[in-house]
C-alpha cells in the first residue's frame, strides 16, 4: 500500500479534528503543508532527525500521537470484542498523527549549508533509495521551513496519511 504523506502545521489537535470532521478539504489544503510522497513519519522521518542530531540510529522522540480518526482503535485492548469492520475509519483512513515537538525543533534546525550532507545521509535509508537527490534536498529544505514557522508561531507539526 502506497501512502501519500503530507506534513503540515496547525495550532492544535482540535483545529486538525475540525478540518477532518467537516471533510470539506484535506488538511494539506487547509493548513500550510509540504507534500512528502510516502515519507512515513514513523519509519523514514526518524532517519532525517538522527542525521540532524549527528548520526547514529534513528531514535523516536516518543510515539506519534494519533489525532484522526478519533476514538478507540479496533486493536486496542479496551475496544469491544467484535470482528474488525473493514469500513472502520481506522482501517480505511485518512489518518493524522502529531509529531513530537522535539522532532519539530530538530527539523527547525535544518541549515541550508547542511542540505547536501543531510541529503546524502537520508538517501542511504532503504525507504528513500529510489528518490532523486534534488527532490530529497528540496523536501528537507521545505520540512525545515515548515518546522521553523510552526516553532515561531507556537504550533505543532502533523502528518496526514492517505491511500
Protein backbone atom coordinates (compact mmCIF):
# COMPACT_ATOMS: atom_id res chain seq x y z
CA UNK A 1 0.00 0.00 0.00
CA UNK A 2 1.47 3.33 -1.06
CA UNK A 3 0.55 6.12 1.29
CA UNK A 4 0.56 9.78 0.44
CA UNK A 5 2.06 11.76 3.29
CA UNK A 6 1.51 15.46 3.79
CA UNK A 7 3.26 17.26 6.64
CA UNK A 8 1.51 20.37 7.90
CA UNK A 9 1.44 22.77 10.80
CA UNK A 10 -1.55 23.67 12.95
CA UNK A 11 -2.25 25.32 16.28
CA UNK A 12 -3.51 22.17 17.98
CA UNK A 13 -5.25 18.87 17.51
CA UNK A 14 -8.69 20.49 17.86
CA UNK A 15 -8.02 22.60 14.75
CA UNK A 16 -6.98 19.48 12.84
CA UNK A 17 -10.00 17.50 14.03
CA UNK A 18 -12.37 20.28 12.94
CA UNK A 19 -10.96 20.16 9.41
CA UNK A 20 -11.08 16.36 9.32
CA UNK A 21 -14.60 16.18 10.76
CA UNK A 22 -16.06 18.57 8.20
CA UNK A 23 -14.28 16.80 5.36
CA UNK A 24 -14.53 19.80 3.04
CA UNK A 25 -10.84 19.75 2.24
CA UNK A 26 -7.80 17.71 3.21
CA UNK A 27 -5.52 19.18 5.87
CA UNK A 28 -2.83 19.77 3.22
CA UNK A 29 -5.16 22.36 1.68
CA UNK A 30 -6.46 23.79 4.96
CA UNK A 31 -3.04 24.34 6.53
CA UNK A 32 0.42 25.25 5.28
CA UNK A 33 1.87 21.93 4.18
CA UNK A 34 4.64 20.01 2.46
CA UNK A 35 3.84 17.02 0.27
CA UNK A 36 6.30 14.25 1.08
CA UNK A 37 5.26 11.39 -1.25
CA UNK A 38 5.29 8.49 1.14
CA UNK A 39 7.91 9.67 3.65
CA UNK A 40 6.47 7.90 6.66
CA UNK A 41 6.65 9.78 9.98
CA UNK A 42 7.47 6.65 11.98
CA UNK A 43 9.92 4.91 9.62
CA UNK A 44 11.63 7.37 7.25
CA UNK A 45 11.49 10.69 9.08
CA UNK A 46 13.39 9.48 12.18
CA UNK A 47 16.40 8.81 9.93
CA UNK A 48 16.49 12.50 8.96
CA UNK A 49 16.14 13.54 12.60
CA UNK A 50 19.03 11.21 13.51
CA UNK A 51 21.18 12.82 10.78
CA UNK A 52 20.31 16.26 12.14
CA UNK A 53 21.45 15.18 15.59
CA UNK A 54 24.79 13.95 14.34
CA UNK A 55 24.10 10.47 13.09
CA UNK A 56 23.57 7.23 14.87
CA UNK A 57 20.49 5.09 14.82
CA UNK A 58 17.14 6.76 14.44
CA UNK A 59 15.52 7.34 17.79
CA UNK A 60 11.88 8.13 18.22
CA UNK A 61 11.08 11.09 20.45
CA UNK A 62 8.13 9.12 21.71
CA UNK A 63 5.23 7.71 19.77
CA UNK A 64 3.42 9.91 17.31
CA UNK A 65 0.03 10.72 18.74
CA UNK A 66 -2.97 9.76 16.64
CA UNK A 67 -5.20 12.76 16.07
CA UNK A 68 -7.55 11.28 13.44
CA UNK A 69 -9.63 9.19 13.44
CA UNK A 70 -10.75 9.67 16.99
CA UNK A 71 -11.93 7.01 19.41
CA UNK A 72 -10.52 3.62 20.25
CA UNK A 73 -8.53 1.77 17.66
CA UNK A 74 -10.12 -1.61 16.84
CA UNK A 75 -7.00 -3.42 18.09
CA UNK A 76 -6.87 -1.50 21.39
CA UNK A 77 -7.19 -3.85 24.41
CA UNK A 78 -10.23 -1.90 25.68
CA UNK A 79 -12.06 -1.98 22.34
CA UNK A 80 -15.18 -4.12 22.23
CA UNK A 81 -14.51 -7.68 21.13
CA UNK A 82 -16.01 -7.81 17.65
CA UNK A 83 -14.99 -8.64 14.15
CA UNK A 84 -12.91 -5.88 12.61
CA UNK A 85 -15.06 -3.69 10.40
CA UNK A 86 -13.08 -3.13 7.21
CA UNK A 87 -15.03 0.09 6.65
CA UNK A 88 -13.97 1.48 10.03
CA UNK A 89 -12.05 4.77 9.60
CA UNK A 90 -9.15 3.21 11.50
CA UNK A 91 -8.88 0.69 8.66
CA UNK A 92 -9.55 2.99 5.69
CA UNK A 93 -8.02 6.32 6.67
CA UNK A 94 -7.21 9.04 6.27
CA UNK A 95 -5.03 9.13 9.36
CA UNK A 96 -3.36 12.09 11.04
CA UNK A 97 -0.57 11.89 13.61
CA UNK A 98 1.01 14.67 15.64
CA UNK A 99 4.80 14.72 15.63
CA UNK A 100 6.61 15.44 18.86
CA UNK A 101 7.80 18.98 19.49
CA UNK A 102 11.31 17.53 19.74
CA UNK A 103 11.02 16.36 16.13
CA UNK A 104 9.64 19.76 15.11
CA UNK A 105 12.53 21.51 16.82
CA UNK A 106 15.12 19.23 15.23
CA UNK A 107 13.65 19.91 11.78
CA UNK A 108 13.54 23.64 12.55
CA UNK A 109 17.31 23.49 12.97
CA UNK A 110 17.95 22.50 9.34
CA UNK A 111 20.53 24.85 7.86
CA UNK A 112 20.91 25.43 4.13
CA UNK A 113 24.66 24.71 4.24
CA UNK A 114 23.95 21.22 5.63
CA UNK A 115 21.47 20.26 2.90
CA UNK A 116 23.95 18.28 0.73
CA UNK A 117 25.24 16.32 3.73
CA UNK A 118 21.75 15.63 5.09
CA UNK A 119 20.56 14.58 1.64
CA UNK A 120 23.41 12.08 1.31
CA UNK A 121 22.77 10.63 4.75
CA UNK A 122 19.00 10.39 4.38
CA UNK A 123 19.25 8.98 0.86
CA UNK A 124 21.08 5.93 2.27
CA UNK A 125 17.97 4.68 4.06
CA UNK A 126 16.25 1.79 2.32
CA UNK A 127 12.91 3.58 2.09
CA UNK A 128 14.39 6.54 0.16
CA UNK A 129 16.96 4.89 -2.11
CA UNK A 130 14.89 5.46 -5.26
CA UNK A 131 14.26 9.15 -4.60
CA UNK A 132 16.18 11.68 -6.71
CA UNK A 133 18.74 13.63 -4.67
CA UNK A 134 17.44 17.03 -5.81
CA UNK A 135 13.88 16.06 -4.83
CA UNK A 136 15.09 14.87 -1.43
CA UNK A 137 17.13 18.04 -0.86
CA UNK A 138 14.09 20.16 -1.72
CA UNK A 139 11.96 18.14 0.70
CA UNK A 140 14.48 18.54 3.54
CA UNK A 141 14.55 22.30 2.94
CA UNK A 142 10.74 22.52 2.84
CA UNK A 143 10.37 20.50 6.04
CA UNK A 144 12.86 22.82 7.74
CA UNK A 145 10.95 25.93 6.65
CA UNK A 146 7.63 24.42 7.77
CA UNK A 147 9.08 23.43 11.16
CA UNK A 148 10.64 26.86 11.74
CA UNK A 149 7.32 28.57 11.02
CA UNK A 150 5.48 26.17 13.32
CA UNK A 151 8.06 26.72 16.06
CA UNK A 152 7.92 30.50 15.68
CA UNK A 153 4.11 30.51 15.88
CA UNK A 154 3.90 28.01 18.77
CA UNK A 155 2.30 25.40 16.52
CA UNK A 156 2.77 21.67 16.15
CA UNK A 157 3.65 19.50 13.15
CA UNK A 158 1.29 16.84 11.88
CA UNK A 159 1.37 14.23 9.15
CA UNK A 160 -1.71 13.21 7.17
CA UNK A 161 -1.53 9.76 5.62
CA UNK A 162 -3.94 8.83 2.84
CA UNK A 163 -4.18 5.99 0.36
